[in-house]
Amino acid sequence: MNYLLFYALCISLLSIPSAFGEQPQTTNEKTNEKPYKTELEPYVGINRVDGIYPKMTGKLFHDNGFSGSLTVGKTFESKRYLYGIELGQKWGASKKWFSTVSYNDGTVPRIKSKVFSETINSIMYFFGRDEYFDYFRNRRYKGEIGRYLFSNKASISVAVHYEKHESLPKLIDNEFFNKNHIQPINRSAYNGHYGSMSFSILWNDISSPTQSQLVRNAEFTFEQAEPSLFSSDHSFKRAVFILDGDIDTFFRNATIPNRLKYRIDTSWGTEDLPIQYYSAIDGRFSGLSPFGAVKTLDKGQVGGNSHIALFAEHTFRSVPFDILRLKKLTGSMEFSVNGAYGKTWAPSTSPIRCANYYTGRINSGHGEIGISFQNVFRYFRLHLSKHLDSSDYFFNWGFAKLY
């Protein structure tokens, strides 16, 4: 009960600024004289290896191109402190060049998700659902240097990484709404030291799109670890390529065109790639299935040293309801069709088939098609999907415009 009261108190404190309709003000906004601005970001999460972990992040941005951040937190069950510091500098003509150095010591997901955040995971844990992630402790040093291109829409960079990974045991189950629920074990990572170098190209046309703007994002990263680099315990190579965006199509709802959203998500890695460097295809999570998750995949994350995932969704907005003269009945509801395909590869020698390292996988490919209704009762979205290789249908839900 003490945990519950503490969690509720922290959430209420986080909501105080928004309750009064206030946004964090910077010194620049108050006086219009100071050449810097500051931000303060509190956060509270929970998982089965740390328990509750509150943390606070302070950020500083200076007009001369300098930036810095400091994070401090504490885990209640594992009784560890969480640290993070990052310093950055932009320089050169129009501040086109940039460099950063950082250090972090904390708990991170064993395999990252591209659609589900640790915040969503904490909320689901709070209500007695299985966690989506496994975790390990990562103490990481990173240095990066790069340059912005094409009016800062793209960047190219080289980074050096030195990390120490340590598997963590499960310490708690649910202690809130469902005290009888037993969380799964926390599966292991490959322990050891990792020294690597990476090369990245990023393209981000619009980072905060509105309903009428198109998004075009691309990412390519190649990383190599060698024992000769910082005495790394493992050697491997891996590459990741992600392309997503929007295309305006036929018909219009008022001035807003219908739109096709797409994503191509691929990775490749050598057979000796450690599990925590695997890329994953996301499945649905306790019924949540946003774009970028395979809605008929009930294994959670499926991973491998290599994978491919394709997603497409065409939004017809309210046009079908307008044609059928149902607008008064459906209100702001929108209609879309979607499809997805995914496949993973893992070497026969990989320990992911063992219980302590296990991660789901798709050996023969997994395809689906479905329909979705957005803005149901204003706040929800509903999905009806069919697995192409079976006669099974799956029903999922989510929050409109979010999950």
Protein backbone atom coordinates (compact mmCIF):
# COMPACT_ATOMS: atom_id res chain seq x y z
CA MET A 1 0.00 0.00 0.00
CA ASN A 2 2.91 2.38 0.71
CA TYR A 3 4.09 1.81 -2.85
CA LEU A 4 0.64 2.64 -4.18
CA LEU A 5 0.46 5.88 -2.20
CA PHE A 6 3.94 6.87 -3.30
CA TYR A 7 3.17 6.15 -6.94
CA ALA A 8 -0.08 8.12 -6.82
CA LEU A 9 1.69 11.04 -5.14
CA CYS A 10 4.42 11.14 -7.80
CA ILE A 11 1.91 11.02 -10.65
CA SER A 12 -0.10 13.84 -9.06
CA LEU A 13 3.05 15.95 -8.70
CA LEU A 14 3.86 15.44 -12.37
CA SER A 15 0.42 16.70 -13.34
CA ILE A 16 0.60 19.97 -11.38
CA PRO A 17 2.01 22.17 -14.21
CA SER A 18 -0.52 20.96 -16.78
CA ALA A 19 -3.38 21.29 -14.29
CA PHE A 20 -2.82 25.02 -14.19
CA GLY A 21 -2.33 25.25 -17.94
CA GLU A 22 1.29 26.27 -17.53
CA GLN A 23 4.24 25.22 -19.63
CA PRO A 24 7.81 25.27 -18.28
CA GLN A 25 9.17 28.76 -18.81
CA THR A 26 12.74 29.37 -19.76
CA THR A 27 14.84 32.27 -18.64
CA ASN A 28 14.92 33.43 -22.26
CA GLU A 29 11.12 33.75 -22.25
CA LYS A 30 10.99 35.61 -18.95
CA THR A 31 13.59 38.29 -19.56
CA ASN A 32 14.40 37.95 -23.25
CA GLU A 33 18.02 38.61 -22.23
CA LYS A 34 19.58 35.38 -20.97
CA PRO A 35 21.38 33.37 -23.67
CA TYR A 36 20.29 30.01 -22.28
CA LYS A 37 17.22 28.02 -21.32
CA THR A 38 16.65 25.20 -18.84
CA GLU A 39 14.24 22.30 -18.52
CA LEU A 40 13.37 19.96 -15.66
CA GLU A 41 11.80 16.56 -16.38
CA PRO A 42 10.60 14.34 -13.49
CA TYR A 43 9.76 10.69 -14.21
CA VAL A 44 8.48 7.70 -12.25
CA GLY A 45 8.44 4.14 -13.58
CA ILE A 46 8.18 0.59 -12.29
CA ASN A 47 9.39 -2.83 -13.39
CA ARG A 48 10.02 -6.27 -11.89
CA VAL A 49 13.80 -5.86 -11.49
CA ASP A 50 13.94 -2.40 -9.89
CA GLY A 51 10.52 -1.86 -8.37
CA ILE A 52 9.58 1.81 -8.40
CA TYR A 53 12.31 4.08 -9.78
CA PRO A 54 11.81 7.86 -9.62
CA LYS A 55 14.35 10.02 -11.44
CA MET A 56 14.89 13.65 -12.35
CA THR A 57 16.55 15.09 -15.45
CA GLY A 58 17.79 18.66 -15.74
CA LYS A 59 18.72 20.11 -19.14
CA LEU A 60 20.61 23.24 -20.20
CA PHE A 61 20.74 24.74 -23.70
CA HIS A 62 22.99 27.72 -24.52
CA ASP A 63 22.83 29.94 -27.58
CA ASN A 64 26.51 29.27 -28.30
CA GLY A 65 25.66 25.64 -29.14
CA PHE A 66 26.48 24.06 -25.79
CA SER A 67 23.99 21.67 -24.20
CA GLY A 68 24.08 19.48 -21.14
CA SER A 69 21.85 17.16 -19.15
CA LEU A 70 22.07 15.43 -15.79
CA THR A 71 19.86 12.55 -14.60
CA VAL A 72 19.74 11.18 -11.06
CA GLY A 73 17.40 8.49 -9.77
CA LYS A 74 16.98 5.65 -7.28
CA THR A 75 15.52 2.14 -7.53
CA PHE A 76 13.46 1.01 -4.55
CA GLU A 77 13.88 -2.78 -4.78
CA SER A 78 17.38 -3.20 -6.18
CA LYS A 79 18.50 -0.18 -4.14
CA ARG A 80 20.76 1.21 -6.85
CA TYR A 81 21.27 4.77 -7.97
CA LEU A 82 20.67 5.74 -11.59
CA TYR A 83 23.03 8.23 -13.20
CA GLY A 84 23.25 9.94 -16.54
CA ILE A 85 25.24 12.89 -17.87
CA GLU A 86 25.59 14.19 -21.41
CA LEU A 87 27.53 17.18 -22.75
CA GLY A 88 27.17 18.43 -26.30
CA GLN A 89 28.58 21.22 -28.46
CA LYS A 90 27.73 22.56 -31.91
CA TRP A 91 30.29 24.59 -33.80
CA GLY A 92 31.37 25.84 -37.20
CA ALA A 93 29.47 27.88 -39.76
CA SER A 94 25.76 27.80 -38.88
CA LYS A 95 26.57 25.25 -36.16
CA LYS A 96 26.68 22.41 -38.68
CA TRP A 97 29.16 20.28 -36.70
CA PHE A 98 28.26 18.61 -33.41
CA SER A 99 29.86 16.40 -30.78
CA THR A 100 28.59 14.71 -27.61
CA VAL A 101 30.06 12.74 -24.73
CA SER A 102 27.89 10.85 -22.27
CA TYR A 103 27.86 8.38 -19.40
CA ASN A 104 24.84 6.38 -18.22
CA ASP A 105 24.41 3.76 -15.51
CA GLY A 106 20.94 2.28 -15.31
CA THR A 107 18.47 -0.42 -16.23
CA VAL A 108 17.55 -0.69 -19.91
CA PRO A 109 15.32 -3.05 -21.95
CA ARG A 110 17.18 -6.13 -23.22
CA ILE A 111 15.71 -5.64 -26.71
CA LYS A 112 14.38 -2.19 -27.56
CA SER A 113 10.88 -1.61 -28.91
CA LYS A 114 10.11 0.81 -31.72
CA VAL A 115 6.47 1.35 -30.67
CA PHE A 116 6.10 0.66 -26.93
CA SER A 117 7.77 2.84 -24.32
CA GLU A 118 8.82 2.06 -20.76
CA THR A 119 6.03 4.42 -19.63
CA ILE A 120 3.37 2.23 -21.28
CA ASN A 121 5.06 -0.82 -19.76
CA SER A 122 4.91 0.77 -16.27
CA ILE A 123 1.20 1.55 -16.65
CA MET A 124 0.43 -2.03 -17.72
CA TYR A 125 2.51 -3.39 -14.83
CA PHE A 126 0.59 -1.16 -12.43
CA PHE A 127 -2.69 -2.74 -13.58
CA GLY A 128 -1.42 -6.30 -13.20
CA ARG A 129 -0.34 -7.19 -16.74
CA ASP A 130 2.79 -9.07 -17.84
CA GLU A 131 5.72 -6.81 -18.63
CA TYR A 132 6.68 -6.36 -22.26
CA PHE A 133 10.43 -6.10 -21.68
CA ASP A 134 13.31 -8.02 -20.17
CA TYR A 135 16.05 -5.87 -18.63
CA PHE A 136 19.77 -5.66 -17.93
CA ARG A 137 22.08 -3.15 -16.28
CA ASN A 138 24.12 -1.05 -18.71
CA ARG A 139 27.03 1.19 -17.74
CA ARG A 140 27.79 3.03 -20.95
CA TYR A 141 30.34 5.58 -22.13
CA LYS A 142 29.78 7.15 -25.54
CA GLY A 143 31.52 9.77 -27.65
CA GLU A 144 30.11 10.99 -30.96
CA ILE A 145 31.04 13.52 -33.64
CA GLY A 146 29.03 14.41 -36.72
CA ARG A 147 27.67 16.97 -39.13
CA TYR A 148 24.21 18.20 -40.10
CA LEU A 149 23.28 18.19 -43.80
CA PHE A 150 20.48 19.48 -46.02
CA SER A 151 19.24 22.33 -43.82
CA ASN A 152 19.63 20.16 -40.71
CA LYS A 153 17.14 17.57 -42.01
CA ALA A 154 19.90 14.94 -42.09
CA SER A 155 23.00 14.09 -40.11
CA ILE A 156 26.01 11.82 -40.46
CA SER A 157 28.06 10.75 -37.44
CA VAL A 158 30.68 8.39 -36.03
CA ALA A 159 30.54 7.17 -32.42
CA VAL A 160 32.66 5.15 -30.02
CA HIS A 161 30.94 3.02 -27.37
CA TYR A 162 32.24 1.28 -24.25
CA GLU A 163 29.65 -0.61 -22.21
CA LYS A 164 29.44 -3.10 -19.36
CA HIS A 165 26.35 -5.31 -19.40
CA GLU A 166 25.05 -7.23 -16.39
CA SER A 167 21.97 -9.49 -16.21
CA LEU A 168 19.46 -8.73 -13.45
CA PRO A 169 17.16 -11.01 -11.44
CA LYS A 170 13.43 -10.52 -11.01
CA LEU A 171 12.82 -9.03 -7.56
CA ILE A 172 9.07 -8.39 -7.35
CA ASP A 173 5.73 -9.40 -8.84
CA ASN A 174 2.62 -7.25 -8.82
CA GLU A 175 1.80 -5.44 -5.59
CA PHE A 176 -1.05 -3.25 -6.78
CA PHE A 177 -4.40 -4.18 -8.37
CA ASN A 178 -3.57 -7.84 -9.02
CA LYS A 179 -1.45 -9.12 -6.14
CA ASN A 180 -1.81 -12.76 -7.25
CA HIS A 181 -0.28 -12.15 -10.67
CA ILE A 182 3.18 -13.64 -11.13
CA GLN A 183 5.47 -11.81 -13.53
CA PRO A 184 7.67 -13.90 -15.89
CA ILE A 185 11.37 -14.36 -15.15
CA ASN A 186 13.71 -11.64 -16.34
CA ARG A 187 15.67 -13.34 -19.12
CA SER A 188 19.42 -12.89 -19.28
CA ALA A 189 21.66 -10.79 -21.48
CA TYR A 190 25.22 -11.67 -22.47
CA ASN A 191 27.28 -10.32 -19.57
CA GLY A 192 30.59 -8.64 -20.28
CA HIS A 193 32.37 -5.58 -21.63
CA TYR A 194 31.62 -4.28 -25.12
CA GLY A 195 33.78 -1.87 -27.11
CA SER A 196 32.46 -0.83 -30.51
CA MET A 197 32.39 1.88 -33.17
CA SER A 198 29.31 2.90 -35.14
CA PHE A 199 28.51 4.92 -38.24
CA SER A 200 25.05 6.49 -38.62
CA ILE A 201 23.08 8.41 -41.22
CA LEU A 202 19.76 9.94 -40.14
CA TRP A 203 17.09 11.74 -42.15
CA ASN A 204 14.24 13.42 -40.31
CA ASP A 205 12.14 15.60 -42.58
CA ILE A 206 9.50 16.51 -39.98
CA SER A 207 10.01 15.67 -36.33
CA SER A 208 6.66 16.98 -35.03
CA PRO A 209 4.12 16.53 -37.83
CA THR A 210 0.64 17.99 -37.84
CA GLN A 211 -2.35 16.32 -39.46
CA SER A 212 -1.68 18.04 -42.80
CA GLN A 213 2.10 17.46 -42.94
CA LEU A 214 3.94 14.51 -44.43
CA VAL A 215 6.59 12.57 -42.53
CA ARG A 216 9.69 11.07 -44.14
CA ASN A 217 12.25 9.49 -41.82
CA ALA A 218 15.20 7.20 -42.53
CA GLU A 219 17.92 5.68 -40.38
CA PHE A 220 20.98 3.60 -41.21
CA THR A 221 23.47 2.42 -38.59
CA PHE A 222 26.44 0.09 -38.87
CA GLU A 223 28.23 -1.04 -35.69
CA GLN A 224 31.29 -3.24 -35.17
CA ALA A 225 32.79 -4.55 -31.93
CA GLU A 226 36.29 -6.01 -31.67
CA PRO A 227 38.43 -7.29 -28.77
CA SER A 228 41.11 -4.85 -29.90
CA LEU A 229 38.76 -1.94 -29.15
CA PHE A 230 38.71 -1.24 -25.39
CA SER A 231 39.33 -4.95 -24.70
CA SER A 232 35.82 -5.93 -25.78
CA ASP A 233 34.77 -9.41 -24.59
CA HIS A 234 32.82 -10.04 -27.82
CA SER A 235 33.22 -9.29 -31.50
CA PHE A 236 30.28 -8.74 -33.86
CA LYS A 237 28.94 -6.69 -36.73
CA ARG A 238 25.40 -5.44 -37.21
CA ALA A 239 23.47 -3.05 -39.43
CA VAL A 240 20.01 -1.49 -39.09
CA PHE A 241 17.94 0.27 -41.75
CA ILE A 242 14.53 1.88 -41.11
CA LEU A 243 12.46 3.90 -43.58
CA ASP A 244 9.02 5.29 -42.81
CA GLY A 245 6.80 8.05 -44.09
CA ASP A 246 3.48 9.18 -45.54
CA ILE A 247 2.07 9.55 -49.04
CA ASP A 248 -1.06 11.59 -49.84
CA THR A 249 -3.51 9.59 -51.95
CA PHE A 250 -6.96 9.91 -53.51
CA PHE A 251 -10.11 11.49 -52.07
CA ARG A 252 -10.23 14.18 -49.43
CA ASN A 253 -11.99 14.86 -46.19
CA ALA A 254 -12.50 18.62 -46.34
CA THR A 255 -8.97 19.92 -47.03
CA ILE A 256 -7.15 16.90 -45.56
CA PRO A 257 -6.22 14.20 -48.09
CA ASN A 258 -6.32 10.47 -47.43
CA ARG A 259 -2.93 9.10 -46.61
CA LEU A 260 -0.80 5.96 -46.92
CA LYS A 261 1.60 5.34 -44.05
CA TYR A 262 4.46 2.88 -44.56
CA ARG A 263 7.46 1.48 -42.71
CA ILE A 264 10.35 -0.72 -43.80
CA ASP A 265 12.33 -2.07 -40.84
CA THR A 266 15.32 -4.36 -41.42
CA SER A 267 18.46 -5.50 -39.62
CA TRP A 268 21.40 -7.80 -40.19
CA GLY A 269 23.90 -9.20 -37.71
CA THR A 270 26.65 -11.77 -37.56
CA GLU A 271 25.94 -15.14 -35.92
CA ASP A 272 27.88 -14.15 -32.80
CA LEU A 273 25.68 -11.11 -32.18
CA PRO A 274 24.79 -10.86 -28.44
CA ILE A 275 21.08 -11.03 -27.68
CA GLN A 276 20.88 -7.48 -26.32
CA TYR A 277 21.99 -6.21 -29.75
CA TYR A 278 19.20 -8.10 -31.57
CA SER A 279 16.52 -6.11 -33.37
CA ALA A 280 12.92 -7.12 -32.77
CA ILE A 281 9.52 -7.14 -34.42
CA ASP A 282 6.85 -5.89 -32.03
CA GLY A 283 3.62 -7.79 -31.43
CA ARG A 284 0.56 -6.63 -29.56
CA PHE A 285 0.90 -5.75 -25.89
CA SER A 286 -2.11 -6.46 -23.65
CA GLY A 287 -4.42 -5.62 -26.55
CA LEU A 288 -2.52 -2.49 -27.61
CA SER A 289 -1.43 -2.63 -31.26
CA PRO A 290 -0.32 0.71 -32.75
CA PHE A 291 1.13 1.14 -36.21
CA GLY A 292 4.47 -0.65 -36.26
CA ALA A 293 3.23 -3.66 -34.25
CA VAL A 294 2.03 -6.92 -35.82
CA LYS A 295 -1.53 -7.08 -34.52
CA THR A 296 -1.95 -10.87 -34.87
CA LEU A 297 1.34 -11.64 -33.13
CA ASP A 298 0.72 -12.60 -29.51
CA LYS A 299 4.33 -13.44 -28.58
CA GLY A 300 5.22 -9.87 -27.66
CA GLN A 301 8.64 -9.14 -29.13
CA VAL A 302 10.17 -11.61 -31.58
CA GLY A 303 13.84 -11.18 -32.38
CA GLY A 304 16.89 -12.50 -34.13
CA ASN A 305 20.30 -11.47 -35.34
CA SER A 306 18.54 -10.46 -38.59
CA HIS A 307 14.95 -9.53 -39.39
CA ILE A 308 12.64 -7.80 -41.83
CA ALA A 309 9.31 -6.11 -41.07
CA LEU A 310 6.98 -4.31 -43.48
CA PHE A 311 3.98 -2.22 -42.44
CA ALA A 312 1.38 -0.26 -44.39
CA GLU A 313 -1.81 1.54 -43.39
CA HIS A 314 -4.13 3.54 -45.63
CA THR A 315 -6.38 6.03 -43.84
CA PHE A 316 -9.61 6.88 -45.64
CA ARG A 317 -10.57 9.25 -42.83
CA SER A 318 -14.38 9.68 -42.82
CA VAL A 319 -14.84 9.38 -46.61
CA PRO A 320 -16.53 5.90 -46.50
CA PHE A 321 -19.02 7.15 -43.90
CA ASP A 322 -19.70 10.28 -45.98
CA ILE A 323 -20.43 8.16 -49.06
CA LEU A 324 -22.79 5.92 -47.06
CA ARG A 325 -24.42 8.99 -45.47
CA LEU A 326 -23.52 7.81 -41.96
CA LYS A 327 -21.65 10.93 -40.90
CA LYS A 328 -24.26 11.91 -38.31
CA LEU A 329 -24.00 8.46 -36.75
CA THR A 330 -20.22 8.06 -36.83
CA GLY A 331 -19.21 11.64 -35.99
CA SER A 332 -15.40 12.02 -36.14
CA MET A 333 -14.79 8.29 -36.64
CA GLU A 334 -12.25 7.38 -39.35
CA PHE A 335 -11.68 4.15 -41.30
CA SER A 336 -8.41 2.55 -42.45
CA VAL A 337 -7.04 -0.69 -43.87
CA ASN A 338 -3.67 -2.10 -42.83
CA GLY A 339 -1.26 -4.94 -43.43
CA ALA A 340 2.05 -6.22 -42.08
CA TYR A 341 4.67 -8.89 -42.72
CA GLY A 342 7.60 -9.99 -40.58
CA LYS A 343 10.33 -12.63 -40.46
CA THR A 344 13.34 -13.23 -38.21
CA TRP A 345 16.54 -15.24 -38.56
CA ALA A 346 18.65 -16.74 -35.76
CA PRO A 347 21.59 -19.14 -35.97
CA SER A 348 21.08 -22.71 -34.77
CA THR A 349 23.74 -22.10 -32.13
CA SER A 350 21.88 -19.14 -30.62
CA PRO A 351 20.85 -19.66 -26.96
CA ILE A 352 17.55 -17.81 -27.54
CA ARG A 353 15.88 -21.22 -27.57
CA CYS A 354 16.96 -21.74 -23.93
CA ALA A 355 14.54 -20.63 -21.22
CA ASN A 356 16.94 -18.20 -19.57
CA TYR A 357 17.74 -16.39 -22.83
CA TYR A 358 14.55 -17.09 -24.77
CA THR A 359 13.02 -14.63 -27.19
CA GLY A 360 10.21 -15.36 -29.62
CA ARG A 361 10.97 -15.70 -33.33
CA ILE A 362 9.21 -16.05 -36.70
CA ASN A 363 10.95 -18.69 -38.78
CA SER A 364 8.61 -18.91 -41.78
CA GLY A 365 7.23 -15.39 -42.03
CA HIS A 366 4.06 -13.89 -40.58
CA GLY A 367 1.58 -11.85 -42.65
CA GLU A 368 -1.68 -10.13 -41.78
CA ILE A 369 -4.36 -7.78 -43.12
CA GLY A 370 -6.99 -5.85 -41.21
CA ILE A 371 -9.26 -2.87 -40.79
CA SER A 372 -9.29 -0.17 -38.13
CA PHE A 373 -11.72 2.42 -36.81
CA GLN A 374 -10.22 5.59 -35.35
CA ASN A 375 -11.81 8.04 -32.92
CA VAL A 376 -14.37 5.53 -31.61
CA PHE A 377 -16.17 7.42 -28.86
CA ARG A 378 -13.55 10.11 -29.61
CA TYR A 379 -10.73 8.47 -27.66
CA PHE A 380 -10.28 4.89 -28.90
CA ARG A 381 -9.35 2.90 -31.97
CA LEU A 382 -10.45 -0.66 -32.78
CA HIS A 383 -8.65 -3.20 -34.98
CA LEU A 384 -9.93 -6.38 -36.64
CA SER A 385 -7.06 -8.36 -38.17
CA LYS A 386 -6.60 -11.72 -39.91
CA HIS A 387 -3.48 -13.87 -39.91
CA LEU A 388 -2.90 -14.80 -43.57
CA ASP A 389 -1.62 -18.30 -42.79
CA SER A 390 -4.59 -19.34 -40.66
CA SER A 391 -8.32 -18.80 -40.32
CA ASP A 392 -7.87 -16.91 -37.05
CA TYR A 393 -9.14 -13.38 -36.52
CA PHE A 394 -7.83 -11.06 -33.83
CA PHE A 395 -9.50 -8.09 -32.15
CA ASN A 396 -7.32 -5.34 -30.68
CA TRP A 397 -7.90 -1.92 -29.25
CA GLY A 398 -5.89 1.22 -28.65
CA PHE A 399 -6.02 4.91 -27.90
CA ALA A 400 -6.86 7.19 -30.82
CA LYS A 401 -3.76 8.77 -32.43
CA LEU A 402 -1.52 7.07 -29.84
CA TYR A 403 -1.86 3.32 -29.33
